[in-house]
C-alpha atoms as a PDB file:
ATOM      1  CA  GLU A   1     -31.962 -67.311  -9.382  1.00  0.00           C
ATOM      2  CA  ALA A   2     -32.519 -70.500 -10.802  1.00  0.00           C
ATOM      3  CA  ALA A   3     -31.267 -72.312  -7.449  1.00  0.00           C
ATOM      4  CA  VAL A   4     -33.244 -69.988  -5.289  1.00  0.00           C
ATOM      5  CA  ARG A   5     -36.322 -70.634  -7.367  1.00  0.00           C
ATOM      6  CA  LEU A   6     -35.526 -74.341  -7.412  1.00  0.00           C
ATOM      7  CA  ALA A   7     -35.075 -74.406  -3.561  1.00  0.00           C
ATOM      8  CA  THR A   8     -38.614 -72.533  -3.037  1.00  0.00           C
ATOM      9  CA  VAL A   9     -41.547 -72.274  -5.873  1.00  0.00           C
ATOM     10  CA  GLU A  10     -40.428 -75.319  -7.382  1.00  0.00           C
ATOM     11  CA  ALA A  11     -39.942 -77.565  -4.179  1.00  0.00           C
ATOM     12  CA  ALA A  12     -43.203 -76.410  -3.356  1.00  0.00           C
ATOM     13  CA  ARG A  13     -44.876 -77.317  -6.264  1.00  0.00           C
ATOM     14  CA  ALA A  14     -43.270 -80.856  -6.503  1.00  0.00           C
ATOM     15  CA  LEU A  15     -44.631 -81.483  -3.036  1.00  0.00           C
ATOM     16  CA  GLY A  16     -48.202 -80.146  -3.865  1.00  0.00           C
ATOM     17  CA  LEU A  17     -47.966 -77.187  -1.416  1.00  0.00           C
ATOM     18  CA  GLU A  18     -47.624 -74.264  -3.924  1.00  0.00           C
ATOM     19  CA  ARG A  19     -50.571 -72.906  -2.150  1.00  0.00           C
ATOM     20  CA  ASP A  20     -49.261 -72.717   1.207  1.00  0.00           C
ATOM     21  CA  VAL A  21     -45.510 -72.015   0.884  1.00  0.00           C
ATOM     22  CA  GLY A  22     -42.804 -71.662  -1.953  1.00  0.00           C
ATOM     23  CA  SER A  23     -43.155 -67.557  -2.068  1.00  0.00           C
ATOM     24  CA  LEU A  24     -43.379 -64.533   0.145  1.00  0.00           C
ATOM     25  CA  VAL A  25     -47.102 -63.728  -0.644  1.00  0.00           C
ATOM     26  CA  LEU A  26     -50.210 -62.435   1.594  1.00  0.00           C
ATOM     27  CA  GLY A  27     -51.792 -65.742   3.098  1.00  0.00           C
ATOM     28  CA  LYS A  28     -49.110 -68.249   2.765  1.00  0.00           C
ATOM     29  CA  TRP A  29     -46.667 -69.409   5.589  1.00  0.00           C
ATOM     30  CA  GLY A  30     -43.863 -66.870   5.971  1.00  0.00           C
ATOM     31  CA  ASP A  31     -40.640 -69.043   6.878  1.00  0.00           C
ATOM     32  CA  VAL A  32     -37.364 -67.191   5.990  1.00  0.00           C
ATOM     33  CA  VAL A  33     -33.695 -67.346   7.075  1.00  0.00           C
ATOM     34  CA  ALA A  34     -31.254 -64.620   6.992  1.00  0.00           C
ATOM     35  CA  LEU A  35     -27.593 -65.448   6.434  1.00  0.00           C
ATOM     36  CA  ASP A  36     -24.452 -63.701   7.009  1.00  0.00           C
ATOM     37  CA  LEU A  37     -22.232 -64.248   3.578  1.00  0.00           C
ATOM     38  CA  PRO A  38     -18.950 -63.968   2.873  1.00  0.00           C
ATOM     39  CA  GLY A  39     -18.584 -60.575   1.034  1.00  0.00           C
ATOM     40  CA  THR A  40     -19.528 -60.661  -2.572  1.00  0.00           C
ATOM     41  CA  VAL A  41     -21.210 -63.850  -3.895  1.00  0.00           C
ATOM     42  CA  ASP A  42     -21.045 -65.375  -7.320  1.00  0.00           C
ATOM     43  CA  ALA A  43     -24.244 -66.054  -8.511  1.00  0.00           C
ATOM     44  CA  SER A  44     -23.474 -68.990  -9.966  1.00  0.00           C
ATOM     45  CA  ARG A  45     -22.181 -70.560  -6.723  1.00  0.00           C
ATOM     46  CA  LEU A  46     -25.102 -69.256  -4.659  1.00  0.00           C
ATOM     47  CA  ALA A  47     -26.460 -72.590  -3.813  1.00  0.00           C
ATOM     48  CA  GLY A  48     -23.204 -73.848  -2.595  1.00  0.00           C
ATOM     49  CA  THR A  49     -22.334 -70.649  -0.713  1.00  0.00           C
ATOM     50  CA  VAL A  50     -25.934 -70.831   1.338  1.00  0.00           C
ATOM     51  CA  LEU A  51     -25.795 -74.520   1.794  1.00  0.00           C
ATOM     52  CA  SER A  52     -22.259 -74.138   3.557  1.00  0.00           C
ATOM     53  CA  ARG A  53     -23.309 -71.690   5.987  1.00  0.00           C
ATOM     54  CA  VAL A  54     -23.275 -72.892   9.551  1.00  0.00           C
ATOM     55  CA  ASN A  55     -25.417 -71.982  12.470  1.00  0.00           C
ATOM     56  CA  THR A  56     -23.357 -69.174  13.593  1.00  0.00           C
ATOM     57  CA  ASP A  57     -23.863 -67.490  10.317  1.00  0.00           C
ATOM     58  CA  VAL A  58     -27.814 -67.359  11.054  1.00  0.00           C
ATOM     59  CA  ARG A  59     -28.800 -63.694  11.695  1.00  0.00           C
ATOM     60  CA  LEU A  60     -32.635 -63.920  11.884  1.00  0.00           C
ATOM     61  CA  THR A  61     -35.318 -66.701  11.700  1.00  0.00           C
ATOM     62  CA  LEU A  62     -38.961 -66.201  10.896  1.00  0.00           C
ATOM     63  CA  VAL A  63     -41.694 -68.821  11.242  1.00  0.00           C
ATOM     64  CA  GLY A  64     -45.214 -68.205  10.099  1.00  0.00           C
ATOM     65  CA  GLY A  65     -43.857 -64.490   9.350  1.00  0.00           C
ATOM     66  CA  ARG A  66     -43.219 -64.256  13.339  1.00  0.00           C
ATOM     67  CA  VAL A  67     -39.582 -63.815  14.459  1.00  0.00           C
ATOM     68  CA  VAL A  68     -38.263 -66.916  16.502  1.00  0.00           C
ATOM     69  CA  TYR A  69     -34.449 -65.937  16.382  1.00  0.00           C
ATOM     70  CA  ARG A  70     -32.675 -63.011  16.320  1.00  0.00           C
ATOM     71  CA  ARG A  71     -28.891 -62.437  16.606  1.00  0.00           C
ATOM     72  CA  GLU A  72     -27.918 -58.836  17.881  1.00  0.00           C
ATOM     73  CA  PRO A  73     -25.265 -57.308  16.201  1.00  0.00           C
ATOM     74  CA  SER A  74     -22.216 -57.301  18.248  1.00  0.00           C
ATOM     75  CA  VAL A  75     -20.630 -54.803  19.367  1.00  0.00           C
ATOM     76  CA  THR A  76     -17.151 -53.675  19.090  1.00  0.00           C
ATOM     77  CA  VAL A  77     -15.140 -51.177  21.221  1.00  0.00           C
END
């Protein structure tokens, strides 16, 4: 939780941008990246796990609240 807070709300505050970014609330920019993560993730290693992801782990990207990338689920037969 602390790592996510540092990368979002606290980062926005440090840059003086907390009115525009840093949390998902009405009126702020809604930039989000959804990632595939490996099974269960230990909360104490969340930052390292997220930072070690590669581009093929990206499932969805929203910029300004709009979908700009969506990876369709693969179909196995």
